[in-house]
Full PDB file with SEQRES, HELIX, SHEET, SSBOND, CRYST1, ORIGX, SCALE, CONECT and MASTER records, all heavy atoms in Angstrom:
SEQRES   1 A   34  GLY VAL PRO ASP ILE VAL ILE TYR THR ILE ARG ASN VAL          
SEQRES   2 A   34  ASP ASP GLU LYS LYS ARG GLU GLU ASN LEU ILE ARG LEU          
SEQRES   3 A   34  SER MET THR ASP GLU MET THR ARG                              
HELIX    1 AA1 ASP A   14  SER A   27  1                                  14    
CRYST1    1.000    1.000    1.000  90.00  90.00  90.00 P 1           1          
ORIGX1      1.000000  0.000000  0.000000        0.00000                         
ORIGX2      0.000000  1.000000  0.000000        0.00000                         
ORIGX3      0.000000  0.000000  1.000000        0.00000                         
SCALE1      1.000000  0.000000  0.000000        0.00000                         
SCALE2      0.000000  1.000000  0.000000        0.00000                         
SCALE3      0.000000  0.000000  1.000000        0.00000                         
ATOM      1  N   GLY A   1       0.787  -1.236  -0.011  1.00  0.00           N  
ATOM      2  CA  GLY A   1       0.023   0.021   0.023  1.00  0.00           C  
ATOM      3  C   GLY A   1       0.828   1.271  -0.016  1.00  0.00           C  
ATOM      4  O   GLY A   1       0.251   2.324   0.152  1.00  0.00           O  
ATOM      5  N   VAL A   2       2.167   1.133  -0.130  1.00  0.00           N  
ATOM      6  CA  VAL A   2       3.035   2.298  -0.126  1.00  0.00           C  
ATOM      7  C   VAL A   2       3.047   2.899  -1.575  1.00  0.00           C  
ATOM      8  O   VAL A   2       3.307   2.128  -2.600  1.00  0.00           O  
ATOM      9  CB  VAL A   2       4.446   1.968   0.260  1.00  0.00           C  
ATOM     10  CG1 VAL A   2       5.347   3.195   0.234  1.00  0.00           C  
ATOM     11  CG2 VAL A   2       4.418   1.337   1.710  1.00  0.00           C  
ATOM     12  N   PRO A   3       2.724   4.129  -1.797  1.00  0.00           N  
ATOM     13  CA  PRO A   3       2.622   4.684  -3.162  1.00  0.00           C  
ATOM     14  C   PRO A   3       3.978   4.742  -3.826  1.00  0.00           C  
ATOM     15  O   PRO A   3       4.992   5.104  -3.268  1.00  0.00           O  
ATOM     16  CB  PRO A   3       2.085   6.141  -2.944  1.00  0.00           C  
ATOM     17  CG  PRO A   3       2.367   6.426  -1.555  1.00  0.00           C  
ATOM     18  CD  PRO A   3       2.386   5.154  -0.767  1.00  0.00           C  
ATOM     19  N   ASP A   4       3.992   4.334  -5.113  1.00  0.00           N  
ATOM     20  CA  ASP A   4       5.221   4.412  -5.979  1.00  0.00           C  
ATOM     21  C   ASP A   4       5.097   5.642  -6.876  1.00  0.00           C  
ATOM     22  O   ASP A   4       6.142   6.236  -7.206  1.00  0.00           O  
ATOM     23  CB  ASP A   4       5.351   3.102  -6.759  1.00  0.00           C  
ATOM     24  CG  ASP A   4       5.712   1.959  -5.910  1.00  0.00           C  
ATOM     25  OD1 ASP A   4       6.465   2.130  -4.929  1.00  0.00           O  
ATOM     26  OD2 ASP A   4       5.315   0.832  -6.302  1.00  0.00           O  
ATOM     27  N   ILE A   5       3.876   5.847  -7.385  1.00  0.00           N  
ATOM     28  CA  ILE A   5       3.694   6.980  -8.279  1.00  0.00           C  
ATOM     29  C   ILE A   5       2.553   7.865  -7.698  1.00  0.00           C  
ATOM     30  O   ILE A   5       1.512   7.312  -7.313  1.00  0.00           O  
ATOM     31  CB  ILE A   5       3.329   6.614  -9.691  1.00  0.00           C  
ATOM     32  CG1 ILE A   5       4.462   5.744 -10.308  1.00  0.00           C  
ATOM     33  CG2 ILE A   5       3.064   7.781 -10.582  1.00  0.00           C  
ATOM     34  CD1 ILE A   5       4.138   5.189 -11.672  1.00  0.00           C  
ATOM     35  N   VAL A   6       2.858   9.199  -7.584  1.00  0.00           N  
ATOM     36  CA  VAL A   6       1.886  10.089  -6.967  1.00  0.00           C  
ATOM     37  C   VAL A   6       1.648  11.295  -7.783  1.00  0.00           C  
ATOM     38  O   VAL A   6       2.581  11.748  -8.499  1.00  0.00           O  
ATOM     39  CB  VAL A   6       2.453  10.534  -5.586  1.00  0.00           C  
ATOM     40  CG1 VAL A   6       1.607  11.638  -4.935  1.00  0.00           C  
ATOM     41  CG2 VAL A   6       2.431   9.395  -4.568  1.00  0.00           C  
ATOM     42  N   ILE A   7       0.423  11.811  -7.814  1.00  0.00           N  
ATOM     43  CA  ILE A   7       0.136  13.028  -8.483  1.00  0.00           C  
ATOM     44  C   ILE A   7      -0.022  14.131  -7.393  1.00  0.00           C  
ATOM     45  O   ILE A   7      -0.760  13.966  -6.398  1.00  0.00           O  
ATOM     46  CB  ILE A   7      -1.231  12.954  -9.296  1.00  0.00           C  
ATOM     47  CG1 ILE A   7      -1.023  12.043 -10.486  1.00  0.00           C  
ATOM     48  CG2 ILE A   7      -1.672  14.316  -9.769  1.00  0.00           C  
ATOM     49  CD1 ILE A   7      -0.173  12.678 -11.552  1.00  0.00           C  
ATOM     50  N   TYR A   8       0.682  15.206  -7.542  1.00  0.00           N  
ATOM     51  CA  TYR A   8       0.575  16.376  -6.625  1.00  0.00           C  
ATOM     52  C   TYR A   8      -0.162  17.498  -7.394  1.00  0.00           C  
ATOM     53  O   TYR A   8       0.324  17.899  -8.473  1.00  0.00           O  
ATOM     54  CB  TYR A   8       1.983  16.779  -6.193  1.00  0.00           C  
ATOM     55  CG  TYR A   8       1.930  18.103  -5.325  1.00  0.00           C  
ATOM     56  CD1 TYR A   8       1.394  18.066  -4.121  1.00  0.00           C  
ATOM     57  CD2 TYR A   8       2.518  19.236  -5.845  1.00  0.00           C  
ATOM     58  CE1 TYR A   8       1.351  19.253  -3.335  1.00  0.00           C  
ATOM     59  CE2 TYR A   8       2.496  20.386  -5.151  1.00  0.00           C  
ATOM     60  CZ  TYR A   8       1.939  20.456  -3.853  1.00  0.00           C  
ATOM     61  OH  TYR A   8       1.936  21.517  -3.134  1.00  0.00           O  
ATOM     62  N   THR A   9      -1.199  17.988  -6.857  1.00  0.00           N  
ATOM     63  CA  THR A   9      -2.054  19.063  -7.458  1.00  0.00           C  
ATOM     64  C   THR A   9      -2.212  20.161  -6.641  1.00  0.00           C  
ATOM     65  O   THR A   9      -2.217  20.153  -5.417  1.00  0.00           O  
ATOM     66  CB  THR A   9      -3.436  18.432  -7.893  1.00  0.00           C  
ATOM     67  OG1 THR A   9      -4.137  18.199  -6.638  1.00  0.00           O  
ATOM     68  CG2 THR A   9      -3.325  17.177  -8.682  1.00  0.00           C  
ATOM     69  N   ILE A  10      -2.315  21.371  -7.308  1.00  0.00           N  
ATOM     70  CA  ILE A  10      -2.646  22.605  -6.679  1.00  0.00           C  
ATOM     71  C   ILE A  10      -3.903  23.207  -7.394  1.00  0.00           C  
ATOM     72  O   ILE A  10      -3.916  23.305  -8.620  1.00  0.00           O  
ATOM     73  CB  ILE A  10      -1.505  23.588  -6.788  1.00  0.00           C  
ATOM     74  CG1 ILE A  10      -0.349  23.190  -5.974  1.00  0.00           C  
ATOM     75  CG2 ILE A  10      -1.979  25.020  -6.324  1.00  0.00           C  
ATOM     76  CD1 ILE A  10      -0.568  23.282  -4.423  1.00  0.00           C  
ATOM     77  N   ARG A  11      -4.974  23.494  -6.591  1.00  0.00           N  
ATOM     78  CA  ARG A  11      -6.164  23.968  -7.234  1.00  0.00           C  
ATOM     79  C   ARG A  11      -6.650  25.241  -6.466  1.00  0.00           C  
ATOM     80  O   ARG A  11      -6.614  25.206  -5.199  1.00  0.00           O  
ATOM     81  CB  ARG A  11      -7.303  22.945  -7.181  1.00  0.00           C  
ATOM     82  CG  ARG A  11      -8.566  23.387  -7.954  1.00  0.00           C  
ATOM     83  CD  ARG A  11      -9.481  22.162  -8.197  1.00  0.00           C  
ATOM     84  NE  ARG A  11      -9.910  21.531  -7.030  1.00  0.00           N  
ATOM     85  CZ  ARG A  11     -11.045  21.884  -6.342  1.00  0.00           C  
ATOM     86  NH1 ARG A  11     -11.855  22.894  -6.877  1.00  0.00           N  
ATOM     87  NH2 ARG A  11     -11.463  21.285  -5.265  1.00  0.00           N  
ATOM     88  N   ASN A  12      -7.049  26.292  -7.149  1.00  0.00           N  
ATOM     89  CA  ASN A  12      -7.475  27.431  -6.487  1.00  0.00           C  
ATOM     90  C   ASN A  12      -8.929  27.214  -5.988  1.00  0.00           C  
ATOM     91  O   ASN A  12      -9.833  26.833  -6.773  1.00  0.00           O  
ATOM     92  CB  ASN A  12      -7.475  28.647  -7.485  1.00  0.00           C  
ATOM     93  CG  ASN A  12      -7.811  29.967  -6.773  1.00  0.00           C  
ATOM     94  OD1 ASN A  12      -9.031  30.184  -6.324  1.00  0.00           O  
ATOM     95  ND2 ASN A  12      -6.846  30.821  -6.654  1.00  0.00           N  
ATOM     96  N   VAL A  13      -9.117  27.413  -4.730  1.00  0.00           N  
ATOM     97  CA  VAL A  13     -10.403  27.155  -4.109  1.00  0.00           C  
ATOM     98  C   VAL A  13     -10.978  28.407  -3.403  1.00  0.00           C  
ATOM     99  O   VAL A  13     -11.724  28.275  -2.446  1.00  0.00           O  
ATOM    100  CB  VAL A  13     -10.363  25.931  -3.110  1.00  0.00           C  
ATOM    101  CG1 VAL A  13     -10.169  24.627  -3.807  1.00  0.00           C  
ATOM    102  CG2 VAL A  13      -9.272  26.178  -2.021  1.00  0.00           C  
ATOM    103  N   ASP A  14     -10.453  29.534  -3.824  1.00  0.00           N  
ATOM    104  CA  ASP A  14     -10.855  30.776  -3.167  1.00  0.00           C  
ATOM    105  C   ASP A  14     -12.349  30.995  -3.241  1.00  0.00           C  
ATOM    106  O   ASP A  14     -13.011  31.399  -2.304  1.00  0.00           O  
ATOM    107  CB  ASP A  14     -10.059  31.988  -3.796  1.00  0.00           C  
ATOM    108  CG  ASP A  14     -10.088  33.244  -2.944  1.00  0.00           C  
ATOM    109  OD1 ASP A  14      -9.661  33.107  -1.745  1.00  0.00           O  
ATOM    110  OD2 ASP A  14     -10.563  34.251  -3.377  1.00  0.00           O  
ATOM    111  N   ASP A  15     -12.961  30.833  -4.484  1.00  0.00           N  
ATOM    112  CA  ASP A  15     -14.407  31.052  -4.633  1.00  0.00           C  
ATOM    113  C   ASP A  15     -15.112  29.992  -3.799  1.00  0.00           C  
ATOM    114  O   ASP A  15     -16.148  30.294  -3.205  1.00  0.00           O  
ATOM    115  CB  ASP A  15     -14.744  30.839  -6.108  1.00  0.00           C  
ATOM    116  CG  ASP A  15     -14.289  32.004  -6.925  1.00  0.00           C  
ATOM    117  OD1 ASP A  15     -13.966  33.110  -6.365  1.00  0.00           O  
ATOM    118  OD2 ASP A  15     -14.218  31.903  -8.164  1.00  0.00           O  
ATOM    119  N   GLU A  16     -14.643  28.765  -3.815  1.00  0.00           N  
ATOM    120  CA  GLU A  16     -15.295  27.740  -2.990  1.00  0.00           C  
ATOM    121  C   GLU A  16     -15.252  28.081  -1.521  1.00  0.00           C  
ATOM    122  O   GLU A  16     -16.206  27.913  -0.723  1.00  0.00           O  
ATOM    123  CB  GLU A  16     -14.486  26.430  -3.180  1.00  0.00           C  
ATOM    124  CG  GLU A  16     -15.160  25.193  -2.501  1.00  0.00           C  
ATOM    125  CD  GLU A  16     -14.360  23.957  -2.887  1.00  0.00           C  
ATOM    126  OE1 GLU A  16     -13.871  23.807  -3.960  1.00  0.00           O  
ATOM    127  OE2 GLU A  16     -14.244  23.080  -1.922  1.00  0.00           O  
ATOM    128  N   LYS A  17     -14.043  28.634  -1.051  1.00  0.00           N  
ATOM    129  CA  LYS A  17     -13.933  28.936   0.390  1.00  0.00           C  
ATOM    130  C   LYS A  17     -14.942  30.163   0.737  1.00  0.00           C  
ATOM    131  O   LYS A  17     -15.517  30.190   1.780  1.00  0.00           O  
ATOM    132  CB  LYS A  17     -12.569  29.362   0.658  1.00  0.00           C  
ATOM    133  CG  LYS A  17     -11.599  28.254   0.833  1.00  0.00           C  
ATOM    134  CD  LYS A  17     -11.895  27.581   2.191  1.00  0.00           C  
ATOM    135  CE  LYS A  17     -10.776  26.508   2.520  1.00  0.00           C  
ATOM    136  NZ  LYS A  17     -11.040  25.883   3.819  1.00  0.00           N  
ATOM    137  N   LYS A  18     -15.071  31.061  -0.255  1.00  0.00           N  
ATOM    138  CA  LYS A  18     -15.916  32.185   0.016  1.00  0.00           C  
ATOM    139  C   LYS A  18     -17.398  31.692   0.060  1.00  0.00           C  
ATOM    140  O   LYS A  18     -18.226  32.220   0.918  1.00  0.00           O  
ATOM    141  CB  LYS A  18     -15.732  33.213  -1.136  1.00  0.00           C  
ATOM    142  CG  LYS A  18     -14.502  34.012  -0.963  1.00  0.00           C  
ATOM    143  CD  LYS A  18     -14.311  34.957  -2.194  1.00  0.00           C  
ATOM    144  CE  LYS A  18     -12.959  35.707  -2.055  1.00  0.00           C  
ATOM    145  NZ  LYS A  18     -12.783  36.614  -3.225  1.00  0.00           N  
ATOM    146  N   ARG A  19     -17.762  30.764  -0.798  1.00  0.00           N  
ATOM    147  CA  ARG A  19     -19.084  30.171  -0.710  1.00  0.00           C  
ATOM    148  C   ARG A  19     -19.352  29.444   0.617  1.00  0.00           C  
ATOM    149  O   ARG A  19     -20.444  29.535   1.225  1.00  0.00           O  
ATOM    150  CB  ARG A  19     -19.324  29.257  -1.885  1.00  0.00           C  
ATOM    151  CG  ARG A  19     -19.567  29.876  -3.293  1.00  0.00           C  
ATOM    152  CD  ARG A  19     -20.068  28.970  -4.279  1.00  0.00           C  
ATOM    153  NE  ARG A  19     -19.206  27.892  -4.569  1.00  0.00           N  
ATOM    154  CZ  ARG A  19     -18.282  27.960  -5.430  1.00  0.00           C  
ATOM    155  NH1 ARG A  19     -18.113  29.095  -6.244  1.00  0.00           N  
ATOM    156  NH2 ARG A  19     -17.438  26.888  -5.707  1.00  0.00           N  
ATOM    157  N   GLU A  20     -18.317  28.702   1.041  1.00  0.00           N  
ATOM    158  CA  GLU A  20     -18.401  28.003   2.331  1.00  0.00           C  
ATOM    159  C   GLU A  20     -18.577  29.022   3.488  1.00  0.00           C  
ATOM    160  O   GLU A  20     -19.445  28.869   4.401  1.00  0.00           O  
ATOM    161  CB  GLU A  20     -17.127  27.129   2.558  1.00  0.00           C  
ATOM    162  CG  GLU A  20     -17.056  25.935   1.729  1.00  0.00           C  
ATOM    163  CD  GLU A  20     -15.776  25.177   1.925  1.00  0.00           C  
ATOM    164  OE1 GLU A  20     -15.037  25.530   2.880  1.00  0.00           O  
ATOM    165  OE2 GLU A  20     -15.560  24.179   1.252  1.00  0.00           O  
ATOM    166  N   GLU A  21     -17.773  30.105   3.386  1.00  0.00           N  
ATOM    167  CA  GLU A  21     -17.865  31.099   4.485  1.00  0.00           C  
ATOM    168  C   GLU A  21     -19.273  31.734   4.491  1.00  0.00           C  
ATOM    169  O   GLU A  21     -19.798  32.080   5.504  1.00  0.00           O  
ATOM    170  CB  GLU A  21     -16.740  32.071   4.294  1.00  0.00           C  
ATOM    171  CG  GLU A  21     -15.361  31.575   4.589  1.00  0.00           C  
ATOM    172  CD  GLU A  21     -14.238  32.562   4.221  1.00  0.00           C  
ATOM    173  OE1 GLU A  21     -14.613  33.710   3.707  1.00  0.00           O  
ATOM    174  OE2 GLU A  21     -13.096  32.262   4.423  1.00  0.00           O  
ATOM    175  N   ASN A  22     -19.755  31.964   3.245  1.00  0.00           N  
ATOM    176  CA  ASN A  22     -21.060  32.624   3.126  1.00  0.00           C  
ATOM    177  C   ASN A  22     -22.174  31.718   3.656  1.00  0.00           C  
ATOM    178  O   ASN A  22     -23.065  32.203   4.416  1.00  0.00           O  
ATOM    179  CB  ASN A  22     -21.327  32.944   1.643  1.00  0.00           C  
ATOM    180  CG  ASN A  22     -22.585  33.757   1.490  1.00  0.00           C  
ATOM    181  OD1 ASN A  22     -22.800  34.739   2.136  1.00  0.00           O  
ATOM    182  ND2 ASN A  22     -23.437  33.317   0.614  1.00  0.00           N  
ATOM    183  N   LEU A  23     -22.065  30.416   3.355  1.00  0.00           N  
ATOM    184  CA  LEU A  23     -23.045  29.431   3.834  1.00  0.00           C  
ATOM    185  C   LEU A  23     -22.958  29.402   5.400  1.00  0.00           C  
ATOM    186  O   LEU A  23     -24.027  29.319   6.089  1.00  0.00           O  
ATOM    187  CB  LEU A  23     -22.824  28.096   3.265  1.00  0.00           C  
ATOM    188  CG  LEU A  23     -23.165  27.947   1.772  1.00  0.00           C  
ATOM    189  CD1 LEU A  23     -22.752  26.575   1.234  1.00  0.00           C  
ATOM    190  CD2 LEU A  23     -24.669  28.136   1.560  1.00  0.00           C  
ATOM    191  N   ILE A  24     -21.704  29.336   5.927  1.00  0.00           N  
ATOM    192  CA  ILE A  24     -21.579  29.340   7.433  1.00  0.00           C  
ATOM    193  C   ILE A  24     -22.142  30.586   7.998  1.00  0.00           C  
ATOM    194  O   ILE A  24     -22.834  30.553   8.961  1.00  0.00           O  
ATOM    195  CB  ILE A  24     -20.088  29.149   7.775  1.00  0.00           C  
ATOM    196  CG1 ILE A  24     -19.627  27.746   7.313  1.00  0.00           C  
ATOM    197  CG2 ILE A  24     -19.888  29.329   9.194  1.00  0.00           C  
ATOM    198  CD1 ILE A  24     -18.143  27.565   7.479  1.00  0.00           C  
ATOM    199  N   ARG A  25     -21.871  31.743   7.328  1.00  0.00           N  
ATOM    200  CA  ARG A  25     -22.380  32.992   7.854  1.00  0.00           C  
ATOM    201  C   ARG A  25     -23.863  33.000   7.846  1.00  0.00           C  
ATOM    202  O   ARG A  25     -24.503  33.480   8.812  1.00  0.00           O  
ATOM    203  CB  ARG A  25     -21.752  34.138   6.997  1.00  0.00           C  
ATOM    204  CG  ARG A  25     -22.187  35.518   7.613  1.00  0.00           C  
ATOM    205  CD  ARG A  25     -21.376  36.611   6.980  1.00  0.00           C  
ATOM    206  NE  ARG A  25     -21.515  36.656   5.576  1.00  0.00           N  
ATOM    207  CZ  ARG A  25     -20.556  36.291   4.649  1.00  0.00           C  
ATOM    208  NH1 ARG A  25     -19.410  35.844   5.105  1.00  0.00           N  
ATOM    209  NH2 ARG A  25     -20.802  36.340   3.377  1.00  0.00           N  
ATOM    210  N   LEU A  26     -24.502  32.511   6.784  1.00  0.00           N  
ATOM    211  CA  LEU A  26     -25.937  32.474   6.671  1.00  0.00           C  
ATOM    212  C   LEU A  26     -26.537  31.582   7.762  1.00  0.00           C  
ATOM    213  O   LEU A  26     -27.522  31.841   8.334  1.00  0.00           O  
ATOM    214  CB  LEU A  26     -26.350  31.914   5.322  1.00  0.00           C  
ATOM    215  CG  LEU A  26     -26.188  32.948   4.138  1.00  0.00           C  
ATOM    216  CD1 LEU A  26     -26.508  32.253   2.795  1.00  0.00           C  
ATOM    217  CD2 LEU A  26     -26.974  34.220   4.342  1.00  0.00           C  
ATOM    218  N   SER A  27     -25.848  30.421   7.980  1.00  0.00           N  
ATOM    219  CA  SER A  27     -26.352  29.486   8.982  1.00  0.00           C  
ATOM    220  C   SER A  27     -26.185  30.001  10.408  1.00  0.00           C  
ATOM    221  O   SER A  27     -26.853  29.548  11.305  1.00  0.00           O  
ATOM    222  CB  SER A  27     -25.649  28.128   8.845  1.00  0.00           C  
ATOM    223  OG  SER A  27     -24.291  28.215   9.293  1.00  0.00           O  
ATOM    224  N   MET A  28     -25.304  30.977  10.582  1.00  0.00           N  
ATOM    225  CA  MET A  28     -25.017  31.549  11.878  1.00  0.00           C  
ATOM    226  C   MET A  28     -25.666  32.993  12.066  1.00  0.00           C  
ATOM    227  O   MET A  28     -25.492  33.609  13.080  1.00  0.00           O  
ATOM    228  CB  MET A  28     -23.503  31.727  12.084  1.00  0.00           C  
ATOM    229  CG  MET A  28     -22.777  30.365  12.153  1.00  0.00           C  
ATOM    230  SD  MET A  28     -23.226  29.437  13.622  1.00  0.00           S  
ATOM    231  CE  MET A  28     -22.103  28.043  13.514  1.00  0.00           C  
ATOM    232  N   THR A  29     -26.501  33.380  11.095  1.00  0.00           N  
ATOM    233  CA  THR A  29     -26.962  34.754  11.077  1.00  0.00           C  
ATOM    234  C   THR A  29     -28.486  34.756  11.134  1.00  0.00           C  
ATOM    235  O   THR A  29     -29.163  34.002  10.454  1.00  0.00           O  
ATOM    236  CB  THR A  29     -26.480  35.485   9.763  1.00  0.00           C  
ATOM    237  OG1 THR A  29     -25.076  35.478   9.737  1.00  0.00           O  
ATOM    238  CG2 THR A  29     -26.945  36.934   9.789  1.00  0.00           C  
ATOM    239  N   ASP A  30     -29.003  35.677  11.891  1.00  0.00           N  
ATOM    240  CA  ASP A  30     -30.441  35.933  11.956  1.00  0.00           C  
ATOM    241  C   ASP A  30     -30.886  36.644  10.677  1.00  0.00           C  
ATOM    242  O   ASP A  30     -30.355  37.718  10.349  1.00  0.00           O  
ATOM    243  CB  ASP A  30     -30.809  36.655  13.183  1.00  0.00           C  
ATOM    244  CG  ASP A  30     -32.337  37.025  13.218  1.00  0.00           C  
ATOM    245  OD1 ASP A  30     -33.146  36.066  13.294  1.00  0.00           O  
ATOM    246  OD2 ASP A  30     -32.645  38.232  13.210  1.00  0.00           O  
ATOM    247  N   GLU A  31     -31.857  36.122  10.015  1.00  0.00           N  
ATOM    248  CA  GLU A  31     -32.264  36.632   8.742  1.00  0.00           C  
ATOM    249  C   GLU A  31     -32.830  38.104   8.818  1.00  0.00           C  
ATOM    250  O   GLU A  31     -32.497  38.948   8.002  1.00  0.00           O  
ATOM    251  CB  GLU A  31     -33.306  35.764   8.027  1.00  0.00           C  
ATOM    252  CG  GLU A  31     -33.646  36.115   6.591  1.00  0.00           C  
ATOM    253  CD  GLU A  31     -34.605  35.225   5.948  1.00  0.00           C  
ATOM    254  OE1 GLU A  31     -34.968  34.124   6.594  1.00  0.00           O  
ATOM    255  OE2 GLU A  31     -35.061  35.505   4.851  1.00  0.00           O  
ATOM    256  N   MET A  32     -33.609  38.333   9.857  1.00  0.00           N  
ATOM    257  CA  MET A  32     -34.257  39.658   9.964  1.00  0.00           C  
ATOM    258  C   MET A  32     -33.233  40.788  10.380  1.00  0.00           C  
ATOM    259  O   MET A  32     -33.212  41.822   9.723  1.00  0.00           O  
ATOM    260  CB  MET A  32     -35.410  39.642  11.034  1.00  0.00           C  
ATOM    261  CG  MET A  32     -36.124  40.979  11.212  1.00  0.00           C  
ATOM    262  SD  MET A  32     -37.222  40.977  12.622  1.00  0.00           S  
ATOM    263  CE  MET A  32     -38.535  39.835  11.884  1.00  0.00           C  
ATOM    264  N   THR A  33     -32.425  40.503  11.373  1.00  0.00           N  
ATOM    265  CA  THR A  33     -31.568  41.595  11.918  1.00  0.00           C  
ATOM    266  C   THR A  33     -30.172  41.574  11.500  1.00  0.00           C  
ATOM    267  O   THR A  33     -29.406  42.594  11.611  1.00  0.00           O  
ATOM    268  CB  THR A  33     -31.581  41.478  13.428  1.00  0.00           C  
ATOM    269  OG1 THR A  33     -30.973  40.114  13.832  1.00  0.00           O  
ATOM    270  CG2 THR A  33     -32.953  41.509  14.057  1.00  0.00           C  
ATOM    271  N   ARG A  34     -29.746  40.498  10.785  1.00  0.00           N  
ATOM    272  CA  ARG A  34     -28.408  40.261  10.329  1.00  0.00           C  
ATOM    273  C   ARG A  34     -27.379  40.137  11.480  1.00  0.00           C  
ATOM    274  O   ARG A  34     -26.223  40.223  11.310  1.00  0.00           O  
ATOM    275  CB  ARG A  34     -27.887  41.376   9.389  1.00  0.00           C  
ATOM    276  CG  ARG A  34     -28.857  41.713   8.270  1.00  0.00           C  
ATOM    277  CD  ARG A  34     -29.434  40.427   7.529  1.00  0.00           C  
ATOM    278  NE  ARG A  34     -28.378  39.649   6.915  1.00  0.00           N  
ATOM    279  CZ  ARG A  34     -28.564  38.410   6.476  1.00  0.00           C  
ATOM    280  NH1 ARG A  34     -29.739  37.903   6.577  1.00  0.00           N  
ATOM    281  NH2 ARG A  34     -27.568  37.811   5.824  1.00  0.00           N  
TER     282      ARG A  34                                                      
MASTER        0    0    0    1    0    0    0    6  281    1    0    3          
END                                                                             
């Protein structure tokens, strides 16, 4: 099970993080008063 060949990737997830943060903020925020 020890890897001999590995793929190393870098992907920009800034938009994804912002969406996650927005969803977390919405789940933690009162809709009427913000």
